[in-house]
Amino acid sequence: MVRLVRSKGVGVYFVTQNPLDLPDTVLGQLGNRVQHALRAFTPRDQRAVKAAAETFRTNPRLDVVSAITELKVGEALVSVLDEKGAPTKVERAWILPPHSRLTPLAPAERDQVIRGSVLFKHYERVMDRESAYEILKAKAESVKAQDDRAAPKGQPPSTLDQAGNLFGAMAKSAAHAIGAQIGRQIMRGVLGSIFGSRKVK
């Protein structure tokens, strides 16, 4: 799953206090790594330190196993992807605290962000186009209204009125069928890409 998601250009982040929580097949797929201090008091802790150290790209100038146990508050071992997509050598670095806030943006701030987007000139206008369904529905209602005015009171619905009702029912049925078919095709595509050539009914 991690390989599939990353192949689509989506970043995946795992946060854990112990590297042993993640299998080696997953750890090997993570390009950006930020490792804070680990304390090796028990044999399991020592295995965790060794596992974390072995997943980094080695740096001859740095003893990763020792560094992991010596890191101070705010310090971490960092390895990220370079411009060619290859992991950089692990380095010991200070991590800056996040410069963010939890409160929502003010209307003026939100407007500034929207107007500064490169997509603003394409999406700044709201367009509510009339759909084919709305056009056909309006025509059917217009024909029905004309037929009701022309037909004497007390007579059963005309053939045109019945045809209009039948057309509406057929349109709804076709819409449901098309939606279900598209949904099945999407699910087959998604599940097929996950499970390979295995058939999904």
N, C-alpha and C. Protein backbone atom coordinates (compact mmCIF):
# COMPACT_ATOMS: atom_id res chain seq x y z
N MET A 1 0.83 -1.20 0.00
CA MET A 1 0.00 0.00 0.00
C MET A 1 0.87 1.26 0.00
N VAL A 2 1.95 1.25 0.80
CA VAL A 2 2.84 2.42 0.86
C VAL A 2 3.47 2.66 -0.51
N ARG A 3 3.91 1.60 -1.16
CA ARG A 3 4.52 1.75 -2.49
C ARG A 3 3.51 2.32 -3.47
N LEU A 4 2.28 1.82 -3.43
CA LEU A 4 1.26 2.29 -4.36
C LEU A 4 0.97 3.77 -4.15
N VAL A 5 0.79 4.17 -2.89
CA VAL A 5 0.46 5.57 -2.60
C VAL A 5 1.60 6.49 -2.98
N ARG A 6 2.83 6.09 -2.68
CA ARG A 6 3.99 6.93 -3.02
C ARG A 6 4.17 7.03 -4.52
N SER A 7 3.80 5.97 -5.27
CA SER A 7 3.94 6.01 -6.73
C SER A 7 3.00 7.02 -7.35
N LYS A 8 1.96 7.40 -6.63
CA LYS A 8 1.00 8.40 -7.12
C LYS A 8 1.40 9.82 -6.72
N GLY A 9 2.57 9.96 -6.08
CA GLY A 9 3.05 11.29 -5.70
C GLY A 9 2.50 11.79 -4.39
N VAL A 10 1.96 10.90 -3.56
CA VAL A 10 1.39 11.30 -2.28
C VAL A 10 2.40 11.02 -1.18
N GLY A 11 2.65 11.99 -0.32
CA GLY A 11 3.58 11.81 0.79
C GLY A 11 2.95 11.00 1.90
N VAL A 12 3.72 10.09 2.48
CA VAL A 12 3.24 9.24 3.57
C VAL A 12 4.11 9.51 4.80
N TYR A 13 3.48 9.74 5.94
CA TYR A 13 4.21 10.03 7.17
C TYR A 13 3.75 9.08 8.27
N PHE A 14 4.70 8.43 8.90
CA PHE A 14 4.44 7.57 10.05
C PHE A 14 5.08 8.21 11.27
N VAL A 15 4.35 8.26 12.36
CA VAL A 15 4.86 8.81 13.61
C VAL A 15 4.78 7.72 14.67
N THR A 16 5.90 7.36 15.24
CA THR A 16 5.93 6.30 16.25
C THR A 16 7.06 6.58 17.24
N GLN A 17 6.90 6.08 18.46
CA GLN A 17 7.95 6.25 19.46
C GLN A 17 9.00 5.16 19.39
N ASN A 18 8.71 4.10 18.64
CA ASN A 18 9.64 2.99 18.56
C ASN A 18 9.71 2.50 17.11
N PRO A 19 10.89 2.52 16.48
CA PRO A 19 11.00 2.07 15.09
C PRO A 19 10.58 0.62 14.88
N LEU A 20 10.60 -0.19 15.94
CA LEU A 20 10.19 -1.59 15.80
C LEU A 20 8.69 -1.73 15.56
N ASP A 21 7.95 -0.62 15.75
CA ASP A 21 6.51 -0.67 15.47
C ASP A 21 6.23 -0.81 13.98
N LEU A 22 7.20 -0.44 13.14
CA LEU A 22 7.02 -0.51 11.69
C LEU A 22 7.88 -1.62 11.12
N PRO A 23 7.33 -2.42 10.20
CA PRO A 23 8.14 -3.48 9.58
C PRO A 23 9.22 -2.90 8.67
N ASP A 24 10.24 -3.69 8.41
CA ASP A 24 11.36 -3.24 7.57
C ASP A 24 10.90 -2.85 6.18
N THR A 25 9.90 -3.56 5.65
CA THR A 25 9.42 -3.24 4.29
C THR A 25 8.81 -1.85 4.22
N VAL A 26 8.24 -1.38 5.33
CA VAL A 26 7.67 -0.03 5.37
C VAL A 26 8.77 1.00 5.61
N LEU A 27 9.66 0.71 6.55
CA LEU A 27 10.75 1.64 6.86
C LEU A 27 11.60 1.91 5.62
N GLY A 28 11.79 0.89 4.79
CA GLY A 28 12.60 1.06 3.59
C GLY A 28 11.95 1.95 2.55
N GLN A 29 10.64 2.22 2.68
CA GLN A 29 9.94 3.06 1.71
C GLN A 29 9.84 4.52 2.13
N LEU A 30 10.34 4.83 3.32
CA LEU A 30 10.20 6.19 3.83
C LEU A 30 11.43 7.01 3.46
N GLY A 31 11.25 8.02 2.63
CA GLY A 31 12.39 8.82 2.17
C GLY A 31 12.81 9.88 3.16
N ASN A 32 11.86 10.57 3.78
CA ASN A 32 12.17 11.63 4.74
C ASN A 32 12.13 11.04 6.15
N ARG A 33 13.23 11.19 6.88
CA ARG A 33 13.33 10.61 8.21
C ARG A 33 13.76 11.67 9.21
N VAL A 34 13.05 11.72 10.33
CA VAL A 34 13.42 12.58 11.46
C VAL A 34 13.39 11.70 12.70
N GLN A 35 14.56 11.42 13.25
CA GLN A 35 14.68 10.51 14.39
C GLN A 35 15.13 11.27 15.63
N HIS A 36 14.26 11.33 16.64
CA HIS A 36 14.64 11.94 17.91
C HIS A 36 15.33 10.89 18.79
N ALA A 37 15.68 11.28 19.98
CA ALA A 37 16.48 10.43 20.87
C ALA A 37 15.74 9.16 21.25
N LEU A 38 16.51 8.07 21.34
CA LEU A 38 16.03 6.80 21.87
C LEU A 38 16.94 6.40 23.03
N ARG A 39 16.36 5.87 24.07
CA ARG A 39 17.14 5.41 25.20
C ARG A 39 17.19 3.88 25.19
N ALA A 40 18.39 3.33 25.30
CA ALA A 40 18.58 1.88 25.22
C ALA A 40 18.84 1.31 26.60
N PHE A 41 17.76 1.06 27.36
CA PHE A 41 17.90 0.51 28.69
C PHE A 41 17.69 -1.01 28.72
N THR A 42 16.94 -1.51 27.78
CA THR A 42 16.63 -2.95 27.74
C THR A 42 17.12 -3.52 26.41
N PRO A 43 17.21 -4.85 26.31
CA PRO A 43 17.59 -5.46 25.02
C PRO A 43 16.67 -5.05 23.87
N ARG A 44 15.38 -4.92 24.17
CA ARG A 44 14.46 -4.49 23.10
C ARG A 44 14.76 -3.06 22.68
N ASP A 45 15.08 -2.18 23.63
CA ASP A 45 15.45 -0.81 23.31
C ASP A 45 16.71 -0.77 22.44
N GLN A 46 17.66 -1.65 22.75
CA GLN A 46 18.90 -1.69 21.98
C GLN A 46 18.63 -2.15 20.54
N ARG A 47 17.69 -3.10 20.38
CA ARG A 47 17.32 -3.53 19.03
C ARG A 47 16.64 -2.40 18.27
N ALA A 48 15.85 -1.60 18.98
CA ALA A 48 15.17 -0.47 18.34
C ALA A 48 16.17 0.57 17.86
N VAL A 49 17.19 0.85 18.68
CA VAL A 49 18.23 1.81 18.29
C VAL A 49 18.97 1.31 17.05
N LYS A 50 19.32 0.04 17.06
CA LYS A 50 20.05 -0.52 15.92
C LYS A 50 19.18 -0.50 14.65
N ALA A 51 17.89 -0.84 14.81
CA ALA A 51 16.99 -0.84 13.66
C ALA A 51 16.85 0.56 13.08
N ALA A 52 16.72 1.57 13.96
CA ALA A 52 16.60 2.95 13.48
C ALA A 52 17.86 3.39 12.77
N ALA A 53 19.02 3.03 13.31
CA ALA A 53 20.29 3.45 12.71
C ALA A 53 20.50 2.82 11.34
N GLU A 54 20.08 1.57 11.17
CA GLU A 54 20.33 0.88 9.91
C GLU A 54 19.43 1.35 8.78
N THR A 55 18.35 2.05 9.09
CA THR A 55 17.46 2.52 8.03
C THR A 55 17.92 3.86 7.43
N PHE A 56 18.89 4.51 8.04
CA PHE A 56 19.43 5.76 7.50
C PHE A 56 20.50 5.47 6.46
N ARG A 57 20.67 6.42 5.53
CA ARG A 57 21.82 6.35 4.63
C ARG A 57 23.06 6.73 5.45
N THR A 58 24.06 5.90 5.41
CA THR A 58 25.22 6.08 6.29
C THR A 58 25.98 7.36 6.00
N ASN A 59 26.56 7.90 7.06
CA ASN A 59 27.41 9.08 6.98
C ASN A 59 28.73 8.73 7.68
N PRO A 60 29.84 8.69 6.93
CA PRO A 60 31.12 8.28 7.55
C PRO A 60 31.53 9.16 8.72
N ARG A 61 31.04 10.40 8.76
CA ARG A 61 31.44 11.32 9.82
C ARG A 61 30.57 11.21 11.07
N LEU A 62 29.60 10.28 11.06
CA LEU A 62 28.65 10.22 12.16
C LEU A 62 28.40 8.78 12.58
N ASP A 63 28.56 8.52 13.88
CA ASP A 63 28.21 7.22 14.45
C ASP A 63 26.73 7.28 14.84
N VAL A 64 25.87 6.75 13.97
CA VAL A 64 24.43 6.92 14.13
C VAL A 64 23.94 6.22 15.39
N VAL A 65 24.42 5.02 15.68
CA VAL A 65 23.95 4.27 16.85
C VAL A 65 24.21 5.05 18.13
N SER A 66 25.39 5.61 18.26
CA SER A 66 25.71 6.40 19.46
C SER A 66 24.95 7.71 19.48
N ALA A 67 24.82 8.34 18.31
CA ALA A 67 24.16 9.64 18.24
C ALA A 67 22.71 9.57 18.66
N ILE A 68 22.02 8.48 18.31
CA ILE A 68 20.60 8.35 18.66
C ILE A 68 20.40 8.40 20.17
N THR A 69 21.31 7.80 20.90
CA THR A 69 21.16 7.78 22.37
C THR A 69 21.68 9.05 23.04
N GLU A 70 22.38 9.90 22.28
CA GLU A 70 22.95 11.12 22.85
C GLU A 70 22.18 12.38 22.50
N LEU A 71 21.17 12.27 21.63
CA LEU A 71 20.44 13.46 21.17
C LEU A 71 19.77 14.17 22.33
N LYS A 72 19.81 15.51 22.28
CA LYS A 72 19.21 16.33 23.32
C LYS A 72 17.81 16.77 22.90
N VAL A 73 17.11 17.44 23.79
CA VAL A 73 15.77 17.94 23.49
C VAL A 73 15.84 18.91 22.32
N GLY A 74 15.02 18.71 21.32
CA GLY A 74 15.02 19.57 20.14
C GLY A 74 16.00 19.18 19.08
N GLU A 75 16.77 18.10 19.32
CA GLU A 75 17.78 17.65 18.38
C GLU A 75 17.30 16.36 17.73
N ALA A 76 17.70 16.11 16.49
CA ALA A 76 17.27 14.91 15.79
C ALA A 76 18.26 14.54 14.70
N LEU A 77 18.19 13.29 14.27
CA LEU A 77 18.91 12.84 13.09
C LEU A 77 17.96 12.98 11.90
N VAL A 78 18.44 13.61 10.84
CA VAL A 78 17.57 13.95 9.71
C VAL A 78 18.16 13.44 8.41
N SER A 79 17.30 12.85 7.59
CA SER A 79 17.66 12.46 6.23
C SER A 79 16.44 12.71 5.36
N VAL A 80 16.63 13.47 4.29
CA VAL A 80 15.52 13.82 3.40
C VAL A 80 15.89 13.45 1.97
N LEU A 81 14.94 13.59 1.06
CA LEU A 81 15.20 13.31 -0.35
C LEU A 81 15.81 14.53 -1.02
N ASP A 82 16.83 14.31 -1.84
CA ASP A 82 17.43 15.42 -2.56
C ASP A 82 16.64 15.73 -3.82
N GLU A 83 17.15 16.66 -4.66
CA GLU A 83 16.41 17.09 -5.85
C GLU A 83 16.21 15.96 -6.86
N LYS A 84 17.00 14.89 -6.76
CA LYS A 84 16.84 13.75 -7.67
C LYS A 84 16.03 12.62 -7.04
N GLY A 85 15.55 12.83 -5.83
CA GLY A 85 14.73 11.82 -5.18
C GLY A 85 15.51 10.77 -4.42
N ALA A 86 16.80 10.98 -4.19
CA ALA A 86 17.62 10.03 -3.44
C ALA A 86 17.77 10.51 -2.00
N PRO A 87 17.79 9.59 -1.01
CA PRO A 87 17.96 10.00 0.38
C PRO A 87 19.33 10.62 0.62
N THR A 88 19.36 11.71 1.36
CA THR A 88 20.63 12.35 1.69
C THR A 88 21.27 11.61 2.87
N LYS A 89 22.56 11.84 3.07
CA LYS A 89 23.25 11.24 4.22
C LYS A 89 22.67 11.80 5.51
N VAL A 90 22.58 10.95 6.50
CA VAL A 90 22.00 11.37 7.76
C VAL A 90 22.87 12.43 8.41
N GLU A 91 22.23 13.44 8.99
CA GLU A 91 22.93 14.52 9.67
C GLU A 91 22.27 14.79 11.02
N ARG A 92 23.07 15.25 11.95
CA ARG A 92 22.56 15.65 13.26
C ARG A 92 22.16 17.11 13.19
N ALA A 93 20.93 17.42 13.58
CA ALA A 93 20.43 18.79 13.37
C ALA A 93 19.50 19.20 14.50
N TRP A 94 19.34 20.54 14.63
CA TRP A 94 18.38 21.10 15.55
C TRP A 94 17.07 21.31 14.81
N ILE A 95 15.96 20.99 15.45
CA ILE A 95 14.64 21.12 14.85
C ILE A 95 13.97 22.38 15.36
N LEU A 96 13.60 23.28 14.45
CA LEU A 96 12.92 24.51 14.84
C LEU A 96 11.47 24.20 15.23
N PRO A 97 10.95 24.86 16.25
CA PRO A 97 9.54 24.64 16.61
C PRO A 97 8.64 25.15 15.49
N PRO A 98 7.45 24.58 15.36
CA PRO A 98 6.54 25.01 14.29
C PRO A 98 6.09 26.45 14.48
N HIS A 99 6.08 27.20 13.39
CA HIS A 99 5.61 28.59 13.42
C HIS A 99 4.21 28.62 12.81
N SER A 100 3.26 28.08 13.54
CA SER A 100 1.89 28.01 13.06
C SER A 100 0.95 28.32 14.20
N ARG A 101 -0.34 28.27 13.90
CA ARG A 101 -1.34 28.53 14.93
C ARG A 101 -2.53 27.62 14.69
N LEU A 102 -3.34 27.45 15.73
CA LEU A 102 -4.48 26.56 15.64
C LEU A 102 -5.78 27.29 15.34
N THR A 103 -5.76 28.62 15.41
CA THR A 103 -6.98 29.39 15.16
C THR A 103 -7.22 29.52 13.66
N PRO A 104 -8.48 29.68 13.24
CA PRO A 104 -8.76 29.83 11.80
C PRO A 104 -8.28 31.17 11.26
N LEU A 105 -8.10 31.25 9.95
CA LEU A 105 -7.69 32.49 9.31
C LEU A 105 -8.80 33.53 9.38
N ALA A 106 -8.41 34.77 9.49
CA ALA A 106 -9.38 35.86 9.39
C ALA A 106 -9.82 35.98 7.93
N PRO A 107 -11.01 36.53 7.67
CA PRO A 107 -11.49 36.66 6.29
C PRO A 107 -10.49 37.38 5.37
N ALA A 108 -9.84 38.43 5.88
CA ALA A 108 -8.88 39.16 5.06
C ALA A 108 -7.67 38.29 4.73
N GLU A 109 -7.21 37.49 5.71
CA GLU A 109 -6.07 36.60 5.47
C GLU A 109 -6.42 35.51 4.47
N ARG A 110 -7.60 34.94 4.62
CA ARG A 110 -8.04 33.89 3.69
C ARG A 110 -8.16 34.46 2.27
N ASP A 111 -8.71 35.68 2.15
CA ASP A 111 -8.84 36.30 0.83
C ASP A 111 -7.48 36.56 0.21
N GLN A 112 -6.51 36.94 1.03
CA GLN A 112 -5.15 37.18 0.52
C GLN A 112 -4.53 35.89 -0.01
N VAL A 113 -4.72 34.78 0.71
CA VAL A 113 -4.18 33.50 0.26
C VAL A 113 -4.84 33.06 -1.04
N ILE A 114 -6.16 33.23 -1.12
CA ILE A 114 -6.89 32.83 -2.33
C ILE A 114 -6.43 33.65 -3.53
N ARG A 115 -6.33 34.97 -3.34
CA ARG A 115 -5.95 35.83 -4.45
C ARG A 115 -4.49 35.65 -4.86
N GLY A 116 -3.67 35.15 -3.95
CA GLY A 116 -2.27 34.91 -4.28
C GLY A 116 -2.02 33.59 -4.98
N SER A 117 -3.05 32.76 -5.10
CA SER A 117 -2.90 31.45 -5.74
C SER A 117 -2.78 31.61 -7.26
N VAL A 118 -1.97 30.75 -7.87
CA VAL A 118 -1.82 30.78 -9.33
C VAL A 118 -3.10 30.32 -10.03
N LEU A 119 -4.00 29.66 -9.31
CA LEU A 119 -5.25 29.18 -9.91
C LEU A 119 -6.38 30.19 -9.76
N PHE A 120 -6.11 31.32 -9.11
CA PHE A 120 -7.19 32.26 -8.83
C PHE A 120 -7.85 32.77 -10.11
N LYS A 121 -7.07 33.07 -11.14
CA LYS A 121 -7.64 33.65 -12.36
C LYS A 121 -8.55 32.66 -13.09
N HIS A 122 -8.39 31.36 -12.78
CA HIS A 122 -9.22 30.36 -13.44
C HIS A 122 -10.50 30.06 -12.66
N TYR A 123 -10.48 30.26 -11.34
CA TYR A 123 -11.59 29.82 -10.51
C TYR A 123 -12.22 30.94 -9.69
N GLU A 124 -11.90 32.21 -10.00
CA GLU A 124 -12.46 33.27 -9.16
C GLU A 124 -13.94 33.51 -9.44
N ARG A 125 -14.41 33.11 -10.63
CA ARG A 125 -15.82 33.32 -10.96
C ARG A 125 -16.61 32.04 -10.71
N VAL A 126 -17.76 32.19 -10.05
CA VAL A 126 -18.64 31.05 -9.79
C VAL A 126 -19.55 30.87 -11.00
N MET A 127 -19.53 29.69 -11.59
CA MET A 127 -20.36 29.40 -12.75
C MET A 127 -21.27 28.23 -12.42
N ASP A 128 -22.57 28.47 -12.52
CA ASP A 128 -23.56 27.43 -12.27
C ASP A 128 -24.28 27.14 -13.58
N ARG A 129 -23.65 26.31 -14.41
CA ARG A 129 -24.22 25.99 -15.71
C ARG A 129 -25.48 25.15 -15.56
N GLU A 130 -26.41 25.34 -16.51
CA GLU A 130 -27.64 24.55 -16.52
C GLU A 130 -27.34 23.17 -17.10
N SER A 131 -27.67 22.14 -16.34
CA SER A 131 -27.37 20.78 -16.78
C SER A 131 -28.39 20.29 -17.80
N ALA A 132 -28.02 19.21 -18.51
CA ALA A 132 -28.94 18.62 -19.48
C ALA A 132 -30.21 18.14 -18.78
N TYR A 133 -30.07 17.62 -17.58
CA TYR A 133 -31.25 17.16 -16.84
C TYR A 133 -32.21 18.32 -16.57
N GLU A 134 -31.65 19.46 -16.16
CA GLU A 134 -32.50 20.62 -15.89
C GLU A 134 -33.19 21.12 -17.15
N ILE A 135 -32.49 21.11 -18.29
CA ILE A 135 -33.09 21.55 -19.56
C ILE A 135 -34.22 20.63 -19.97
N LEU A 136 -33.99 19.31 -19.92
CA LEU A 136 -35.02 18.34 -20.30
C LEU A 136 -36.21 18.39 -19.35
N LYS A 137 -35.93 18.58 -18.05
CA LYS A 137 -37.01 18.67 -17.08
C LYS A 137 -37.88 19.89 -17.34
N ALA A 138 -37.24 21.03 -17.67
CA ALA A 138 -38.00 22.24 -17.97
C ALA A 138 -38.87 22.07 -19.20
N LYS A 139 -38.32 21.40 -20.24
CA LYS A 139 -39.11 21.16 -21.45
C LYS A 139 -40.29 20.25 -21.17
N ALA A 140 -40.06 19.20 -20.39
CA ALA A 140 -41.14 18.27 -20.06
C ALA A 140 -42.24 18.97 -19.26
N GLU A 141 -41.84 19.83 -18.32
CA GLU A 141 -42.83 20.57 -17.53
C GLU A 141 -43.60 21.56 -18.39
N SER A 142 -42.90 22.17 -19.37
CA SER A 142 -43.57 23.11 -20.27
C SER A 142 -44.60 22.39 -21.12
N VAL A 143 -44.23 21.22 -21.67
CA VAL A 143 -45.17 20.45 -22.49
C VAL A 143 -46.35 19.99 -21.65
N LYS A 144 -46.10 19.57 -20.41
CA LYS A 144 -47.17 19.12 -19.53
C LYS A 144 -48.12 20.25 -19.20
N ALA A 145 -47.56 21.45 -18.96
CA ALA A 145 -48.41 22.60 -18.65
C ALA A 145 -49.29 22.95 -19.84
N GLN A 146 -48.74 22.92 -21.06
CA GLN A 146 -49.53 23.20 -22.26
C GLN A 146 -50.63 22.15 -22.45
N ASP A 147 -50.28 20.88 -22.18
CA ASP A 147 -51.25 19.81 -22.35
C ASP A 147 -52.37 19.93 -21.33
N ASP A 148 -52.01 20.34 -20.09
CA ASP A 148 -53.04 20.50 -19.06
C ASP A 148 -54.00 21.63 -19.42
N ARG A 149 -53.49 22.68 -20.02
CA ARG A 149 -54.36 23.81 -20.40
C ARG A 149 -55.26 23.43 -21.57
N ALA A 150 -54.76 22.57 -22.47
CA ALA A 150 -55.54 22.21 -23.66
C ALA A 150 -56.56 21.12 -23.37
N ALA A 151 -56.32 20.24 -22.43
CA ALA A 151 -57.22 19.13 -22.16
C ALA A 151 -58.39 19.58 -21.31
N PRO A 152 -59.62 19.10 -21.63
CA PRO A 152 -60.80 19.42 -20.80
C PRO A 152 -60.65 18.81 -19.42
N LYS A 153 -61.30 19.46 -18.44
CA LYS A 153 -61.21 18.98 -17.07
C LYS A 153 -61.95 17.65 -16.93
N GLY A 154 -61.41 16.79 -16.08
CA GLY A 154 -62.05 15.52 -15.80
C GLY A 154 -61.61 14.39 -16.71
N GLN A 155 -60.83 14.69 -17.77
CA GLN A 155 -60.35 13.65 -18.66
C GLN A 155 -59.05 13.05 -18.13
N PRO A 156 -58.78 11.78 -18.47
CA PRO A 156 -57.52 11.16 -18.02
C PRO A 156 -56.32 11.83 -18.67
N PRO A 157 -55.13 11.66 -18.13
CA PRO A 157 -53.93 12.28 -18.70
C PRO A 157 -53.72 11.86 -20.15
N SER A 158 -53.24 12.80 -20.94
CA SER A 158 -53.02 12.54 -22.36
C SER A 158 -51.83 11.61 -22.56
N THR A 159 -51.71 11.15 -23.80
CA THR A 159 -50.58 10.29 -24.16
C THR A 159 -49.27 11.03 -23.99
N LEU A 160 -49.27 12.35 -24.32
CA LEU A 160 -48.04 13.15 -24.18
C LEU A 160 -47.64 13.27 -22.73
N ASP A 161 -48.67 13.45 -21.84
CA ASP A 161 -48.37 13.54 -20.41
C ASP A 161 -47.80 12.22 -19.89
N GLN A 162 -48.41 11.13 -20.32
CA GLN A 162 -47.91 9.82 -19.89
C GLN A 162 -46.49 9.58 -20.40
N ALA A 163 -46.23 10.04 -21.64
CA ALA A 163 -44.89 9.88 -22.21
C ALA A 163 -43.87 10.69 -21.42
N GLY A 164 -44.30 11.89 -20.99
CA GLY A 164 -43.40 12.72 -20.20
C GLY A 164 -43.04 12.06 -18.88
N ASN A 165 -44.07 11.48 -18.21
CA ASN A 165 -43.79 10.78 -16.95
C ASN A 165 -42.89 9.57 -17.17
N LEU A 166 -43.17 8.85 -18.28
CA LEU A 166 -42.35 7.68 -18.58
C LEU A 166 -40.91 8.09 -18.86
N PHE A 167 -40.73 9.22 -19.58
CA PHE A 167 -39.38 9.71 -19.88
C PHE A 167 -38.64 10.07 -18.59
N GLY A 168 -39.35 10.70 -17.66
CA GLY A 168 -38.71 11.06 -16.39
C GLY A 168 -38.27 9.84 -15.62
N ALA A 169 -39.13 8.81 -15.58
CA ALA A 169 -38.76 7.57 -14.88
C ALA A 169 -37.58 6.89 -15.55
N MET A 170 -37.57 6.88 -16.89
CA MET A 170 -36.47 6.26 -17.62
C MET A 170 -35.16 7.03 -17.38
N ALA A 171 -35.24 8.35 -17.34
CA ALA A 171 -34.04 9.16 -17.12
C ALA A 171 -33.45 8.88 -15.74
N LYS A 172 -34.31 8.76 -14.71
CA LYS A 172 -33.82 8.45 -13.37
C LYS A 172 -33.18 7.07 -13.33
N SER A 173 -33.85 6.10 -13.96
CA SER A 173 -33.31 4.74 -13.97
C SER A 173 -31.95 4.69 -14.68
N ALA A 174 -31.84 5.41 -15.82
CA ALA A 174 -30.58 5.42 -16.56
C ALA A 174 -29.47 6.09 -15.74
N ALA A 175 -29.82 7.16 -15.04
CA ALA A 175 -28.82 7.85 -14.21
C ALA A 175 -28.29 6.94 -13.11
N HIS A 176 -29.22 6.19 -12.46
CA HIS A 176 -28.78 5.25 -11.42
C HIS A 176 -27.89 4.16 -12.00
N ALA A 177 -28.27 3.64 -13.17
CA ALA A 177 -27.48 2.56 -13.79
C ALA A 177 -26.09 3.04 -14.18
N ILE A 178 -26.03 4.25 -14.76
CA ILE A 178 -24.73 4.81 -15.16
C ILE A 178 -23.85 5.06 -13.95
N GLY A 179 -24.45 5.60 -12.87
CA GLY A 179 -23.69 5.86 -11.66
C GLY A 179 -23.15 4.58 -11.05
N ALA A 180 -23.98 3.53 -11.02
CA ALA A 180 -23.52 2.26 -10.47
C ALA A 180 -22.41 1.66 -11.29
N GLN A 181 -22.53 1.75 -12.64
CA GLN A 181 -21.51 1.19 -13.52
C GLN A 181 -20.18 1.92 -13.36
N ILE A 182 -20.24 3.26 -13.29
CA ILE A 182 -19.01 4.04 -13.10
C ILE A 182 -18.38 3.71 -11.75
N GLY A 183 -19.21 3.58 -10.72
CA GLY A 183 -18.69 3.23 -9.41
C GLY A 183 -17.98 1.89 -9.42
N ARG A 184 -18.58 0.90 -10.10
CA ARG A 184 -17.94 -0.42 -10.17
C ARG A 184 -16.62 -0.35 -10.91
N GLN A 185 -16.56 0.43 -12.01
CA GLN A 185 -15.32 0.54 -12.76
C GLN A 185 -14.22 1.21 -11.95
N ILE A 186 -14.59 2.24 -11.18
CA ILE A 186 -13.60 2.91 -10.34
C ILE A 186 -13.07 1.96 -9.28
N MET A 187 -13.97 1.21 -8.62
CA MET A 187 -13.54 0.28 -7.59
C MET A 187 -12.66 -0.82 -8.18
N ARG A 188 -13.00 -1.31 -9.39
CA ARG A 188 -12.16 -2.33 -10.02
C ARG A 188 -10.76 -1.77 -10.29
N GLY A 189 -10.71 -0.52 -10.76
CA GLY A 189 -9.40 0.08 -11.06
C GLY A 189 -8.56 0.25 -9.81
N VAL A 190 -9.20 0.75 -8.72
CA VAL A 190 -8.45 0.98 -7.47
C VAL A 190 -8.01 -0.33 -6.86
N LEU A 191 -8.95 -1.27 -6.72
CA LEU A 191 -8.61 -2.55 -6.10
C LEU A 191 -7.68 -3.37 -6.98
N GLY A 192 -7.84 -3.23 -8.30
CA GLY A 192 -6.95 -3.96 -9.19
C GLY A 192 -5.52 -3.47 -9.09
N SER A 193 -5.35 -2.16 -8.91
CA SER A 193 -3.98 -1.63 -8.77
C SER A 193 -3.36 -2.03 -7.45
N ILE A 194 -4.22 -2.26 -6.42
CA ILE A 194 -3.70 -2.66 -5.12
C ILE A 194 -3.34 -4.14 -5.09
N PHE A 195 -4.24 -4.98 -5.61
CA PHE A 195 -4.05 -6.43 -5.52
C PHE A 195 -3.46 -7.05 -6.78
N GLY A 196 -3.00 -6.23 -7.72
CA GLY A 196 -2.37 -6.76 -8.93
C GLY A 196 -3.39 -7.31 -9.89
N SER A 197 -3.13 -8.47 -10.40
CA SER A 197 -3.98 -9.05 -11.43
C SER A 197 -5.16 -9.81 -10.85
N ARG A 198 -5.32 -9.82 -9.53
CA ARG A 198 -6.43 -10.56 -8.91
C ARG A 198 -7.76 -9.95 -9.32
N LYS A 199 -8.71 -10.74 -9.73
CA LYS A 199 -10.00 -10.25 -10.19
C LYS A 199 -10.87 -9.87 -9.01
N VAL A 200 -11.56 -8.75 -9.15
CA VAL A 200 -12.47 -8.28 -8.11
C VAL A 200 -13.87 -8.23 -8.70
N LYS A 201 -14.78 -8.98 -8.11
CA LYS A 201 -16.16 -9.00 -8.60
C LYS A 201 -16.99 -7.96 -7.88
